[in-house]
PDB file of N, CA and C in Angstrom:
ATOM      1  N   MET A   1      19.476   9.273  -0.232  1.00  0.00           N
ATOM      2  CA  MET A   1      19.401   7.946  -0.327  1.00  0.00           C
ATOM      3  C   MET A   1      20.653   7.906   1.401  1.00  0.00           C
ATOM      4  N   SER A   2      20.656   7.817   2.331  1.00  0.00           N
ATOM      5  CA  SER A   2      21.676   7.864   3.907  1.00  0.00           C
ATOM      6  C   SER A   2      22.375   6.423   3.986  1.00  0.00           C
ATOM      7  N   CYS A   3      23.723   5.910   4.267  1.00  0.00           N
ATOM      8  CA  CYS A   3      24.366   4.517   4.186  1.00  0.00           C
ATOM      9  C   CYS A   3      24.662   5.100   6.107  1.00  0.00           C
ATOM     10  N   PHE A   4      24.211   4.402   7.036  1.00  0.00           N
ATOM     11  CA  PHE A   4      24.238   4.160   8.444  1.00  0.00           C
ATOM     12  C   PHE A   4      23.380   5.130   9.211  1.00  0.00           C
ATOM     13  N   SER A   5      22.644   4.892   9.446  1.00  0.00           N
ATOM     14  CA  SER A   5      21.587   5.414  10.036  1.00  0.00           C
ATOM     15  C   SER A   5      21.511   4.595  11.371  1.00  0.00           C
ATOM     16  N   PHE A   6      21.494   5.491  12.583  1.00  0.00           N
ATOM     17  CA  PHE A   6      21.048   4.658  14.084  1.00  0.00           C
ATOM     18  C   PHE A   6      19.496   4.765  14.294  1.00  0.00           C
ATOM     19  N   PHE A   7      18.723   4.206  15.585  1.00  0.00           N
ATOM     20  CA  PHE A   7      18.090   3.986  15.722  1.00  0.00           C
ATOM     21  C   PHE A   7      17.476   3.341  17.076  1.00  0.00           C
ATOM     22  N   ILE A   8      16.969   3.916  17.556  1.00  0.00           N
ATOM     23  CA  ILE A   8      16.082   3.076  18.518  1.00  0.00           C
ATOM     24  C   ILE A   8      14.298   2.555  18.645  1.00  0.00           C
ATOM     25  N   ALA A   9      14.113   1.115  18.829  1.00  0.00           N
ATOM     26  CA  ALA A   9      12.496   1.292  18.851  1.00  0.00           C
ATOM     27  C   ALA A   9      12.637   0.346  19.832  1.00  0.00           C
ATOM     28  N   ALA A  10      10.876   0.058  20.400  1.00  0.00           N
ATOM     29  CA  ALA A  10      10.817   0.617  21.871  1.00  0.00           C
ATOM     30  C   ALA A  10       8.998  -0.246  21.038  1.00  0.00           C
ATOM     31  N   SER A  11       8.856  -2.308  21.308  1.00  0.00           N
ATOM     32  CA  SER A  11       8.389  -2.540  20.820  1.00  0.00           C
ATOM     33  C   SER A  11       6.720  -3.369  21.512  1.00  0.00           C
ATOM     34  N   LEU A  12       5.829  -3.626  20.942  1.00  0.00           N
ATOM     35  CA  LEU A  12       4.566  -4.390  22.011  1.00  0.00           C
ATOM     36  C   LEU A  12       4.593  -5.745  21.244  1.00  0.00           C
ATOM     37  N   HIS A  13       4.429  -6.982  21.940  1.00  0.00           N
ATOM     38  CA  HIS A  13       4.635  -8.218  21.319  1.00  0.00           C
ATOM     39  C   HIS A  13       3.035  -8.676  22.028  1.00  0.00           C
ATOM     40  N   LEU A  14       1.396  -8.488  20.904  1.00  0.00           N
ATOM     41  CA  LEU A  14       0.642  -8.872  20.772  1.00  0.00           C
ATOM     42  C   LEU A  14      -0.567 -10.420  20.265  1.00  0.00           C
ATOM     43  N   GLY A  15      -0.745 -10.872  21.756  1.00  0.00           N
ATOM     44  CA  GLY A  15      -1.124 -12.429  20.879  1.00  0.00           C
ATOM     45  C   GLY A  15      -0.410 -13.431  21.054  1.00  0.00           C
ATOM     46  N   LEU A  16       1.047 -13.551  21.619  1.00  0.00           N
ATOM     47  CA  LEU A  16       2.320 -14.180  22.268  1.00  0.00           C
ATOM     48  C   LEU A  16       2.359 -14.510  23.843  1.00  0.00           C
ATOM     49  N   GLU A  17       3.048 -15.519  23.032  1.00  0.00           N
ATOM     50  CA  GLU A  17       3.074 -15.907  25.189  1.00  0.00           C
ATOM     51  C   GLU A  17       4.105 -15.672  25.537  1.00  0.00           C
ATOM     52  N   GLY A  18       5.158 -15.878  24.336  1.00  0.00           N
ATOM     53  CA  GLY A  18       6.941 -16.029  24.632  1.00  0.00           C
ATOM     54  C   GLY A  18       7.136 -13.826  26.025  1.00  0.00           C
ATOM     55  N   ASP A  19       8.472 -14.415  26.794  1.00  0.00           N
ATOM     56  CA  ASP A  19       8.903 -12.836  27.049  1.00  0.00           C
ATOM     57  C   ASP A  19       9.862 -11.834  26.203  1.00  0.00           C
ATOM     58  N   TYR A  20       9.614 -11.035  25.660  1.00  0.00           N
ATOM     59  CA  TYR A  20      10.061 -10.884  24.490  1.00  0.00           C
ATOM     60  C   TYR A  20      10.582  -9.390  25.453  1.00  0.00           C
ATOM     61  N   ASN A  21      11.896  -9.771  24.867  1.00  0.00           N
ATOM     62  CA  ASN A  21      12.431  -8.327  24.596  1.00  0.00           C
ATOM     63  C   ASN A  21      11.451  -6.876  23.666  1.00  0.00           C
ATOM     64  N   ASN A  22      11.590  -5.780  24.858  1.00  0.00           N
ATOM     65  CA  ASN A  22      10.517  -4.539  24.502  1.00  0.00           C
ATOM     66  C   ASN A  22      11.856  -3.869  23.554  1.00  0.00           C
ATOM     67  N   LEU A  23      13.105  -3.391  23.968  1.00  0.00           N
ATOM     68  CA  LEU A  23      14.274  -2.209  23.365  1.00  0.00           C
ATOM     69  C   LEU A  23      14.903  -2.606  22.450  1.00  0.00           C
ATOM     70  N   HIS A  24      14.736  -2.048  20.497  1.00  0.00           N
ATOM     71  CA  HIS A  24      15.395  -2.567  19.995  1.00  0.00           C
ATOM     72  C   HIS A  24      16.399  -1.498  19.542  1.00  0.00           C
ATOM     73  N   PRO A  25      17.754  -1.451  19.885  1.00  0.00           N
ATOM     74  CA  PRO A  25      19.136  -0.172  19.058  1.00  0.00           C
ATOM     75  C   PRO A  25      19.319  -1.316  18.007  1.00  0.00           C
ATOM     76  N   HIS A  26      20.151  -0.225  17.331  1.00  0.00           N
ATOM     77  CA  HIS A  26      18.950  -0.114  15.062  1.00  0.00           C
ATOM     78  C   HIS A  26      20.229  -0.390  14.306  1.00  0.00           C
ATOM     79  N   ALA A  27      20.892  -0.578  13.883  1.00  0.00           N
ATOM     80  CA  ALA A  27      21.567   0.341  12.846  1.00  0.00           C
ATOM     81  C   ALA A  27      21.520   0.252  11.582  1.00  0.00           C
ATOM     82  N   ARG A  28      21.085   0.598  10.654  1.00  0.00           N
ATOM     83  CA  ARG A  28      20.412   0.389   8.876  1.00  0.00           C
ATOM     84  C   ARG A  28      21.272   1.482   7.815  1.00  0.00           C
ATOM     85  N   CYS A  29      21.417   0.674   6.736  1.00  0.00           N
ATOM     86  CA  CYS A  29      22.036   1.532   5.448  1.00  0.00           C
ATOM     87  C   CYS A  29      20.817   1.143   4.743  1.00  0.00           C
ATOM     88  N   ASP A  30      20.765   2.327   4.394  1.00  0.00           N
ATOM     89  CA  ASP A  30      19.331   2.121   3.070  1.00  0.00           C
ATOM     90  C   ASP A  30      20.706   2.887   2.034  1.00  0.00           C
ATOM     91  N   LEU A  31      20.435   2.111   1.288  1.00  0.00           N
ATOM     92  CA  LEU A  31      20.824   2.739  -0.975  1.00  0.00           C
ATOM     93  C   LEU A  31      19.679   2.087  -1.183  1.00  0.00           C
ATOM     94  N   GLN A  32      19.548   3.415  -2.382  1.00  0.00           N
ATOM     95  CA  GLN A  32      17.519   3.324  -3.097  1.00  0.00           C
ATOM     96  C   GLN A  32      17.123   2.724  -2.074  1.00  0.00           C
ATOM     97  N   SER A  33      16.384   1.880  -2.797  1.00  0.00           N
ATOM     98  CA  SER A  33      15.153   0.948  -1.732  1.00  0.00           C
ATOM     99  C   SER A  33      15.987  -0.238  -1.211  1.00  0.00           C
ATOM    100  N   PHE A  34      17.395  -0.246  -0.953  1.00  0.00           N
ATOM    101  CA  PHE A  34      17.869  -1.454  -0.469  1.00  0.00           C
ATOM    102  C   PHE A  34      17.691  -1.398   0.995  1.00  0.00           C
ATOM    103  N   MET A  35      17.808  -2.325   1.703  1.00  0.00           N
ATOM    104  CA  MET A  35      18.060  -1.916   2.686  1.00  0.00           C
ATOM    105  C   MET A  35      19.673  -2.934   3.685  1.00  0.00           C
ATOM    106  N   PHE A  36      20.293  -2.844   4.206  1.00  0.00           N
ATOM    107  CA  PHE A  36      20.187  -4.019   5.354  1.00  0.00           C
ATOM    108  C   PHE A  36      21.410  -3.363   6.835  1.00  0.00           C
ATOM    109  N   GLY A  37      21.380  -4.038   7.900  1.00  0.00           N
ATOM    110  CA  GLY A  37      21.100  -3.464   8.672  1.00  0.00           C
ATOM    111  C   GLY A  37      21.749  -4.345   9.526  1.00  0.00           C
ATOM    112  N   SER A  38      22.125  -4.361  11.231  1.00  0.00           N
ATOM    113  CA  SER A  38      21.262  -5.103  12.282  1.00  0.00           C
ATOM    114  C   SER A  38      20.425  -4.199  13.318  1.00  0.00           C
ATOM    115  N   TYR A  39      20.058  -5.769  15.083  1.00  0.00           N
ATOM    116  CA  TYR A  39      19.566  -5.019  15.479  1.00  0.00           C
ATOM    117  C   TYR A  39      19.618  -5.846  16.553  1.00  0.00           C
ATOM    118  N   TYR A  40      19.316  -5.198  18.411  1.00  0.00           N
ATOM    119  CA  TYR A  40      18.869  -6.386  19.326  1.00  0.00           C
ATOM    120  C   TYR A  40      17.631  -7.333  18.969  1.00  0.00           C
ATOM    121  N   ASN A  41      17.660  -7.861  18.371  1.00  0.00           N
ATOM    122  CA  ASN A  41      15.977  -8.536  18.729  1.00  0.00           C
ATOM    123  C   ASN A  41      15.202  -9.043  19.714  1.00  0.00           C
ATOM    124  N   SER A  42      14.155  -9.370  19.543  1.00  0.00           N
ATOM    125  CA  SER A  42      12.835  -9.300  20.887  1.00  0.00           C
ATOM    126  C   SER A  42      13.106 -10.483  21.414  1.00  0.00           C
ATOM    127  N   GLU A  43      14.134 -11.447  20.946  1.00  0.00           N
ATOM    128  CA  GLU A  43      14.752 -12.744  21.638  1.00  0.00           C
ATOM    129  C   GLU A  43      15.851 -12.607  21.721  1.00  0.00           C
ATOM    130  N   TYR A  44      15.742 -11.630  21.907  1.00  0.00           N
ATOM    131  CA  TYR A  44      17.619 -11.049  23.000  1.00  0.00           C
ATOM    132  C   TYR A  44      19.302 -11.421  22.437  1.00  0.00           C
ATOM    133  N   ARG A  45      19.123 -11.367  21.083  1.00  0.00           N
ATOM    134  CA  ARG A  45      20.548 -11.634  20.414  1.00  0.00           C
ATOM    135  C   ARG A  45      20.539 -10.345  19.605  1.00  0.00           C
ATOM    136  N   ILE A  46      21.464 -10.134  19.222  1.00  0.00           N
ATOM    137  CA  ILE A  46      21.313  -9.686  17.293  1.00  0.00           C
ATOM    138  C   ILE A  46      21.102 -10.246  16.234  1.00  0.00           C
ATOM    139  N   SER A  47      20.435  -9.144  15.636  1.00  0.00           N
ATOM    140  CA  SER A  47      19.852  -9.925  13.914  1.00  0.00           C
ATOM    141  C   SER A  47      20.107  -9.387  13.283  1.00  0.00           C
ATOM    142  N   ASN A  48      20.751 -10.013  11.835  1.00  0.00           N
ATOM    143  CA  ASN A  48      21.104  -9.212  10.382  1.00  0.00           C
ATOM    144  C   ASN A  48      20.906  -9.426   9.672  1.00  0.00           C
ATOM    145  N   TYR A  49      20.005  -8.433   8.779  1.00  0.00           N
ATOM    146  CA  TYR A  49      18.542  -8.491   7.870  1.00  0.00           C
ATOM    147  C   TYR A  49      19.652  -7.702   6.819  1.00  0.00           C
ATOM    148  N   ILE A  50      19.080  -8.174   5.234  1.00  0.00           N
ATOM    149  CA  ILE A  50      19.002  -7.167   4.322  1.00  0.00           C
ATOM    150  C   ILE A  50      17.629  -7.478   3.512  1.00  0.00           C
ATOM    151  N   GLY A  51      16.819  -6.096   2.975  1.00  0.00           N
ATOM    152  CA  GLY A  51      15.938  -6.476   2.607  1.00  0.00           C
ATOM    153  C   GLY A  51      15.448  -5.019   1.558  1.00  0.00           C
ATOM    154  N   LYS A  52      14.266  -4.563   0.480  1.00  0.00           N
ATOM    155  CA  LYS A  52      13.997  -4.184   0.178  1.00  0.00           C
ATOM    156  C   LYS A  52      12.689  -3.474   0.407  1.00  0.00           C
ATOM    157  N   ASP A  53      13.044  -1.968   0.353  1.00  0.00           N
ATOM    158  CA  ASP A  53      11.671  -1.174   0.523  1.00  0.00           C
ATOM    159  C   ASP A  53      10.565  -0.646  -0.542  1.00  0.00           C
ATOM    160  N   PHE A  54       9.514  -1.300  -0.102  1.00  0.00           N
ATOM    161  CA  PHE A  54       8.152  -1.021  -1.117  1.00  0.00           C
ATOM    162  C   PHE A  54       7.257   0.271  -0.571  1.00  0.00           C
ATOM    163  N   ASN A  55       8.441   1.720  -0.569  1.00  0.00           N
ATOM    164  CA  ASN A  55       6.943   2.630   0.100  1.00  0.00           C
ATOM    165  C   ASN A  55       5.889   2.067   1.863  1.00  0.00           C
ATOM    166  N   GLY A  56       7.190   1.899   2.274  1.00  0.00           N
ATOM    167  CA  GLY A  56       7.120   1.629   3.773  1.00  0.00           C
ATOM    168  C   GLY A  56       6.790   0.461   3.730  1.00  0.00           C
ATOM    169  N   LEU A  57       6.612  -0.950   2.992  1.00  0.00           N
ATOM    170  CA  LEU A  57       6.464  -2.213   3.309  1.00  0.00           C
ATOM    171  C   LEU A  57       7.814  -2.804   3.387  1.00  0.00           C
ATOM    172  N   GLU A  58       8.978  -2.927   3.596  1.00  0.00           N
ATOM    173  CA  GLU A  58      10.051  -3.779   3.685  1.00  0.00           C
ATOM    174  C   GLU A  58       9.911  -5.034   4.017  1.00  0.00           C
ATOM    175  N   ILE A  59      10.822  -5.792   2.958  1.00  0.00           N
ATOM    176  CA  ILE A  59      10.869  -7.547   2.449  1.00  0.00           C
ATOM    177  C   ILE A  59      12.137  -7.601   2.469  1.00  0.00           C
ATOM    178  N   GLY A  60      12.283  -8.467   3.915  1.00  0.00           N
ATOM    179  CA  GLY A  60      13.770  -9.520   3.083  1.00  0.00           C
ATOM    180  C   GLY A  60      13.663 -10.911   3.968  1.00  0.00           C
ATOM    181  N   LEU A  61      14.831 -10.576   4.367  1.00  0.00           N
ATOM    182  CA  LEU A  61      15.611 -12.270   5.339  1.00  0.00           C
ATOM    183  C   LEU A  61      16.323 -11.849   6.397  1.00  0.00           C
ATOM    184  N   VAL A  62      16.235 -12.262   7.625  1.00  0.00           N
ATOM    185  CA  VAL A  62      16.886 -11.911   8.601  1.00  0.00           C
ATOM    186  C   VAL A  62      17.050 -13.107   9.469  1.00  0.00           C
ATOM    187  N   THR A  63      18.454 -12.640  10.681  1.00  0.00           N
ATOM    188  CA  THR A  63      18.518 -14.178  11.226  1.00  0.00           C
ATOM    189  C   THR A  63      18.594 -13.547  12.545  1.00  0.00           C
ATOM    190  N   GLY A  64      19.024 -14.560  13.829  1.00  0.00           N
ATOM    191  CA  GLY A  64      19.120 -13.913  14.987  1.00  0.00           C
ATOM    192  C   GLY A  64      18.384 -14.731  15.428  1.00  0.00           C
ATOM    193  N   TYR A  65      16.853 -15.778  15.074  1.00  0.00           N
ATOM    194  CA  TYR A  65      16.337 -16.222  15.840  1.00  0.00           C
ATOM    195  C   TYR A  65      15.862 -17.101  15.650  1.00  0.00           C
ATOM    196  N   GLN A  66      15.494 -18.366  16.583  1.00  0.00           N
ATOM    197  CA  GLN A  66      15.635 -19.456  16.628  1.00  0.00           C
ATOM    198  C   GLN A  66      15.915 -20.908  15.143  1.00  0.00           C
ATOM    199  N   TYR A  67      15.484 -20.209  13.254  1.00  0.00           N
ATOM    200  CA  TYR A  67      16.481 -20.991  12.445  1.00  0.00           C
ATOM    201  C   TYR A  67      17.225 -19.934  12.087  1.00  0.00           C
ATOM    202  N   ASP A  68      18.125 -20.279  11.209  1.00  0.00           N
ATOM    203  CA  ASP A  68      18.928 -19.946  11.127  1.00  0.00           C
ATOM    204  C   ASP A  68      19.058 -18.215  10.332  1.00  0.00           C
ATOM    205  N   VAL A  69      17.693 -18.043   9.222  1.00  0.00           N
ATOM    206  CA  VAL A  69      17.388 -16.932   8.818  1.00  0.00           C
ATOM    207  C   VAL A  69      16.199 -17.297   8.459  1.00  0.00           C
ATOM    208  N   VAL A  70      15.142 -16.455   9.137  1.00  0.00           N
ATOM    209  CA  VAL A  70      13.352 -16.539   8.600  1.00  0.00           C
ATOM    210  C   VAL A  70      13.047 -15.066   7.663  1.00  0.00           C
ATOM    211  N   PRO A  71      11.428 -15.313   6.876  1.00  0.00           N
ATOM    212  CA  PRO A  71      11.745 -14.531   6.038  1.00  0.00           C
ATOM    213  C   PRO A  71      11.351 -12.835   7.066  1.00  0.00           C
ATOM    214  N   MET A  72      11.170 -11.974   6.608  1.00  0.00           N
ATOM    215  CA  MET A  72      11.430 -10.232   7.341  1.00  0.00           C
ATOM    216  C   MET A  72      10.129  -9.600   6.681  1.00  0.00           C
ATOM    217  N   ILE A  73       9.327  -9.389   7.713  1.00  0.00           N
ATOM    218  CA  ILE A  73       8.056  -8.521   6.620  1.00  0.00           C
ATOM    219  C   ILE A  73       7.766  -7.634   7.492  1.00  0.00           C
ATOM    220  N   ARG A  74       7.594  -5.714   7.967  1.00  0.00           N
ATOM    221  CA  ARG A  74       7.538  -4.658   8.806  1.00  0.00           C
ATOM    222  C   ARG A  74       7.101  -3.796   7.967  1.00  0.00           C
ATOM    223  N   TYR A  75       5.479  -3.553   7.862  1.00  0.00           N
ATOM    224  CA  TYR A  75       5.015  -1.474   7.582  1.00  0.00           C
ATOM    225  C   TYR A  75       5.460  -1.424   8.526  1.00  0.00           C
ATOM    226  N   LYS A  76       5.975  -0.101   8.157  1.00  0.00           N
ATOM    227  CA  LYS A  76       6.606   1.798   8.361  1.00  0.00           C
ATOM    228  C   LYS A  76       5.702   2.549   7.885  1.00  0.00           C
ATOM    229  N   LYS A  77       5.429   3.275   8.794  1.00  0.00           N
ATOM    230  CA  LYS A  77       4.753   4.420   8.838  1.00  0.00           C
ATOM    231  C   LYS A  77       5.452   5.791   9.801  1.00  0.00           C
ATOM    232  N   ASP A  78       6.405   7.174   9.554  1.00  0.00           N
ATOM    233  CA  ASP A  78       6.678   7.666  10.271  1.00  0.00           C
ATOM    234  C   ASP A  78       7.813   7.783  10.927  1.00  0.00           C
ATOM    235  N   PHE A  79       7.394   7.582  12.019  1.00  0.00           N
ATOM    236  CA  PHE A  79       7.989   6.435  13.249  1.00  0.00           C
ATOM    237  C   PHE A  79       7.162   5.222  13.525  1.00  0.00           C
ATOM    238  N   TRP A  80       5.741   5.257  13.224  1.00  0.00           N
ATOM    239  CA  TRP A  80       5.254   3.852  13.504  1.00  0.00           C
ATOM    240  C   TRP A  80       5.532   2.201  12.598  1.00  0.00           C
ATOM    241  N   PHE A  81       5.671   1.185  13.100  1.00  0.00           N
ATOM    242  CA  PHE A  81       5.335   0.007  12.620  1.00  0.00           C
ATOM    243  C   PHE A  81       4.946  -0.554  12.844  1.00  0.00           C
ATOM    244  N   VAL A  82       4.640  -2.764  12.326  1.00  0.00           N
ATOM    245  CA  VAL A  82       3.465  -3.266  12.793  1.00  0.00           C
ATOM    246  C   VAL A  82       4.669  -4.403  11.625  1.00  0.00           C
ATOM    247  N   ALA A  83       4.424  -5.726  12.159  1.00  0.00           N
ATOM    248  CA  ALA A  83       4.981  -6.647  12.354  1.00  0.00           C
ATOM    249  C   ALA A  83       4.284  -7.911  12.422  1.00  0.00           C
ATOM    250  N   PRO A  84       4.219  -9.207  11.505  1.00  0.00           N
ATOM    251  CA  PRO A  84       3.451 -10.099  11.825  1.00  0.00           C
ATOM    252  C   PRO A  84       4.518 -10.940  13.144  1.00  0.00           C
ATOM    253  N   ALA A  85       4.012 -12.108  13.811  1.00  0.00           N
ATOM    254  CA  ALA A  85       5.115 -12.303  14.734  1.00  0.00           C
ATOM    255  C   ALA A  85       4.628 -13.835  14.803  1.00  0.00           C
ATOM    256  N   TYR A  86       5.660 -15.043  15.124  1.00  0.00           N
ATOM    257  CA  TYR A  86       4.873 -15.918  15.536  1.00  0.00           C
ATOM    258  C   TYR A  86       5.949 -17.189  16.505  1.00  0.00           C
ATOM    259  N   GLU A  87       5.374 -17.859  16.676  1.00  0.00           N
ATOM    260  CA  GLU A  87       6.213 -18.542  17.943  1.00  0.00           C
ATOM    261  C   GLU A  87       6.558 -20.304  17.380  1.00  0.00           C
ATOM    262  N   VAL A  88       7.088 -20.772  17.938  1.00  0.00           N
ATOM    263  CA  VAL A  88       7.572 -22.171  17.420  1.00  0.00           C
ATOM    264  C   VAL A  88       6.944 -23.094  17.869  1.00  0.00           C
ATOM    265  N   THR A  89       5.744 -23.139  18.537  1.00  0.00           N
ATOM    266  CA  THR A  89       4.570 -23.576  19.027  1.00  0.00           C
ATOM    267  C   THR A  89       3.279 -22.920  18.072  1.00  0.00           C
ATOM    268  N   GLY A  90       3.696 -22.553  17.310  1.00  0.00           N
ATOM    269  CA  GLY A  90       2.585 -21.884  16.226  1.00  0.00           C
ATOM    270  C   GLY A  90       1.572 -20.819  16.413  1.00  0.00           C
ATOM    271  N   ASN A  91       1.976 -20.626  17.356  1.00  0.00           N
ATOM    272  CA  ASN A  91       1.657 -19.180  18.072  1.00  0.00           C
ATOM    273  C   ASN A  91       2.047 -17.759  17.013  1.00  0.00           C
ATOM    274  N   MET A  92       0.257 -17.344  16.520  1.00  0.00           N
ATOM    275  CA  MET A  92       1.045 -16.273  15.970  1.00  0.00           C
ATOM    276  C   MET A  92       0.091 -15.045  16.338  1.00  0.00           C
ATOM    277  N   GLY A  93       0.814 -13.555  16.230  1.00  0.00           N
ATOM    278  CA  GLY A  93       0.311 -12.293  17.116  1.00  0.00           C
ATOM    279  C   GLY A  93       0.628 -11.384  16.141  1.00  0.00           C
ATOM    280  N   LEU A  94       1.311  -9.698  16.457  1.00  0.00           N
ATOM    281  CA  LEU A  94       1.709  -8.914  15.985  1.00  0.00           C
ATOM    282  C   LEU A  94       2.872  -8.073  16.612  1.00  0.00           C
ATOM    283  N   THR A  95       4.419  -7.885  15.605  1.00  0.00           N
ATOM    284  CA  THR A  95       5.033  -6.907  16.732  1.00  0.00           C
ATOM    285  C   THR A  95       3.995  -5.311  16.076  1.00  0.00           C
ATOM    286  N   ILE A  96       3.850  -4.457  16.974  1.00  0.00           N
ATOM    287  CA  ILE A  96       3.555  -3.544  17.386  1.00  0.00           C
ATOM    288  C   ILE A  96       4.507  -1.998  17.729  1.00  0.00           C
ATOM    289  N   GLY A  97       5.017  -1.271  16.928  1.00  0.00           N
ATOM    290  CA  GLY A  97       6.212  -0.453  18.172  1.00  0.00           C
ATOM    291  C   GLY A  97       5.845   1.494  17.281  1.00  0.00           C
ATOM    292  N   VAL A  98       7.129   1.761  18.651  1.00  0.00           N
ATOM    293  CA  VAL A  98       8.256   3.505  17.129  1.00  0.00           C
ATOM    294  C   VAL A  98       8.796   3.106  17.124  1.00  0.00           C
ATOM    295  N   GLU A  99       9.983   3.565  15.887  1.00  0.00           N
ATOM    296  CA  GLU A  99      11.516   3.629  15.882  1.00  0.00           C
ATOM    297  C   GLU A  99      11.536   4.946  15.674  1.00  0.00           C
ATOM    298  N   TYR A 100      12.651   5.344  16.114  1.00  0.00           N
ATOM    299  CA  TYR A 100      13.025   6.775  16.421  1.00  0.00           C
ATOM    300  C   TYR A 100      15.117   7.145  16.013  1.00  0.00           C
ATOM    301  N   GLN A 101      14.617   7.923  14.686  1.00  0.00           N
ATOM    302  CA  GLN A 101      16.375   8.277  14.281  1.00  0.00           C
ATOM    303  C   GLN A 101      17.245   8.820  15.826  1.00  0.00           C
ATOM    304  N   LEU A 102      18.421   8.360  16.410  1.00  0.00           N
ATOM    305  CA  LEU A 102      18.525   8.738  17.066  1.00  0.00           C
ATOM    306  C   LEU A 102      19.741  10.559  15.932  1.00  0.00           C
TER     307      LEU A 102
END
C-alpha cells in the first residue's frame, strides 16, 4: 500500500478527430485496491478521479472532460495502458500509452 505516487504518461489517441494533449503528469494515492488522484488530461484540463483496481483493470469516475463526471475504465499492465475513448460527436477510439512512476 502506497499513498501519493507521481507519474508521467505519454499517450496516443487512435480513431479520434480532435487535437489532444499527449503528455499527462499524474499524482495518485492507492489505498488497498481503491485509488484517487489527479492528472492533466487529453483535453488540456485537470481531471480528478476515484476508482477501484481489479488486478490491472481500473474502473471509476473522473471529472475534467466535457461533462461534469464521466465513467473511467483503463487496463494497465506494467507501464502500458489502454482505455476506450469517445468524442461528443459520437466518434469512438482508443487511448494507448505508457506511464512511468517518478
